[in-house]
Amino acid sequence: MAHEFVILLDGKLVTYTNYEDIPPKFDNLIKFIPEVPEPPHTHEQHEEMDTWNEKMKELLKRETNGN
């Protein structure tokens, strides 16, 4: 499974698989599904997974809600 991030941008749903590709401003965050590897997880995988909550909060701040 790959990451799946869906945003509403100018009235259209746009899907990204790379978090860094998401534009700085968009209408709404529709779907936030980061890839979670099968266990057991390495230390590096845990460190990455620990960042996803903050990344989602950051995306929510970037929403313009269509304005």
C-alpha atoms as a PDB file:
ATOM      1  CA  MET A   1       0.000   0.000   0.000  1.00  0.00           C
ATOM      2  CA  ALA A   2       1.238   3.504  -0.796  1.00  0.00           C
ATOM      3  CA  HIS A   3       0.406   6.741   0.974  1.00  0.00           C
ATOM      4  CA  GLU A   4      -2.906   8.255  -0.109  1.00  0.00           C
ATOM      5  CA  PHE A   5      -3.619  11.922   0.492  1.00  0.00           C
ATOM      6  CA  VAL A   6      -6.680  13.425  -1.182  1.00  0.00           C
ATOM      7  CA  ILE A   7      -7.388  17.133  -1.194  1.00  0.00           C
ATOM      8  CA  LEU A   8     -10.065  19.333  -2.707  1.00  0.00           C
ATOM      9  CA  LEU A   9      -8.314  21.906  -4.871  1.00  0.00           C
ATOM     10  CA  ASP A  10     -10.293  24.392  -6.932  1.00  0.00           C
ATOM     11  CA  GLY A  11     -13.360  22.156  -6.701  1.00  0.00           C
ATOM     12  CA  LYS A  12     -11.525  19.023  -7.899  1.00  0.00           C
ATOM     13  CA  LEU A  13     -10.326  16.001  -5.937  1.00  0.00           C
ATOM     14  CA  VAL A  14      -6.573  15.550  -6.311  1.00  0.00           C
ATOM     15  CA  THR A  15      -4.697  12.502  -4.980  1.00  0.00           C
ATOM     16  CA  TYR A  16      -1.070  12.522  -3.867  1.00  0.00           C
ATOM     17  CA  THR A  17       1.147   9.640  -2.814  1.00  0.00           C
ATOM     18  CA  ASN A  18       4.006  11.886  -1.676  1.00  0.00           C
ATOM     19  CA  TYR A  19       3.313  14.206   1.263  1.00  0.00           C
ATOM     20  CA  GLU A  20       5.862  16.758   0.039  1.00  0.00           C
ATOM     21  CA  ASP A  21       3.943  17.205  -3.245  1.00  0.00           C
ATOM     22  CA  ILE A  22       0.827  18.574  -1.526  1.00  0.00           C
ATOM     23  CA  PRO A  23       0.481  22.293  -2.306  1.00  0.00           C
ATOM     24  CA  PRO A  24       0.858  24.884   0.463  1.00  0.00           C
ATOM     25  CA  LYS A  25      -2.809  25.930   0.200  1.00  0.00           C
ATOM     26  CA  PHE A  26      -5.874  23.937  -0.830  1.00  0.00           C
ATOM     27  CA  ASP A  27      -9.606  23.935  -0.139  1.00  0.00           C
ATOM     28  CA  ASN A  28     -10.017  20.878   2.110  1.00  0.00           C
ATOM     29  CA  LEU A  29      -8.227  17.759   3.239  1.00  0.00           C
ATOM     30  CA  ILE A  30     -10.442  14.838   2.220  1.00  0.00           C
ATOM     31  CA  LYS A  31      -8.359  11.749   2.967  1.00  0.00           C
ATOM     32  CA  PHE A  32      -5.165  11.208   4.946  1.00  0.00           C
ATOM     33  CA  ILE A  33      -3.914   7.636   4.800  1.00  0.00           C
ATOM     34  CA  PRO A  34      -0.171   7.271   5.323  1.00  0.00           C
ATOM     35  CA  GLU A  35       1.349   3.896   4.564  1.00  0.00           C
ATOM     36  CA  VAL A  36       1.942   1.788   7.661  1.00  0.00           C
ATOM     37  CA  PRO A  37       4.343  -1.083   7.018  1.00  0.00           C
ATOM     38  CA  GLU A  38       3.611  -4.562   8.267  1.00  0.00           C
ATOM     39  CA  PRO A  39       5.072  -5.330  11.704  1.00  0.00           C
ATOM     40  CA  PRO A  40       7.531  -5.865  13.103  1.00  0.00           C
ATOM     41  CA  HIS A  41       8.627  -2.250  12.601  1.00  0.00           C
ATOM     42  CA  THR A  42      12.167  -0.971  12.629  1.00  0.00           C
ATOM     43  CA  HIS A  43      13.206   1.959  14.772  1.00  0.00           C
ATOM     44  CA  GLU A  44      13.270   4.158  11.647  1.00  0.00           C
ATOM     45  CA  GLN A  45       9.733   3.089  10.702  1.00  0.00           C
ATOM     46  CA  HIS A  46       8.508   3.986  14.201  1.00  0.00           C
ATOM     47  CA  GLU A  47      10.158   7.382  13.933  1.00  0.00           C
ATOM     48  CA  GLU A  48       8.421   8.040  10.607  1.00  0.00           C
ATOM     49  CA  MET A  49       5.035   6.828  11.876  1.00  0.00           C
ATOM     50  CA  ASP A  50       5.397   9.125  14.895  1.00  0.00           C
ATOM     51  CA  THR A  51       5.482  12.143  12.532  1.00  0.00           C
ATOM     52  CA  TRP A  52       2.139  11.510  10.813  1.00  0.00           C
ATOM     53  CA  ASN A  53      -0.085  13.085  13.472  1.00  0.00           C
ATOM     54  CA  GLU A  54       1.807  16.384  13.263  1.00  0.00           C
ATOM     55  CA  LYS A  55       1.825  16.233   9.468  1.00  0.00           C
ATOM     56  CA  MET A  56      -1.946  15.842   9.418  1.00  0.00           C
ATOM     57  CA  LYS A  57      -2.330  18.810  11.783  1.00  0.00           C
ATOM     58  CA  GLU A  58      -0.106  20.855   9.467  1.00  0.00           C
ATOM     59  CA  LEU A  59      -2.282  19.986   6.465  1.00  0.00           C
ATOM     60  CA  LEU A  60      -5.411  21.014   8.356  1.00  0.00           C
ATOM     61  CA  LYS A  61      -3.822  24.426   8.993  1.00  0.00           C
ATOM     62  CA  ARG A  62      -3.189  24.781   5.246  1.00  0.00           C
ATOM     63  CA  GLU A  63      -6.871  24.355   4.359  1.00  0.00           C
ATOM     64  CA  THR A  64      -8.581  27.415   2.931  1.00  0.00           C
ATOM     65  CA  ASN A  65     -12.044  25.783   3.024  1.00  0.00           C
ATOM     66  CA  GLY A  66     -12.696  27.045  -0.492  1.00  0.00           C
ATOM     67  CA  ASN A  67     -12.043  30.689   0.374  1.00  0.00           C
END
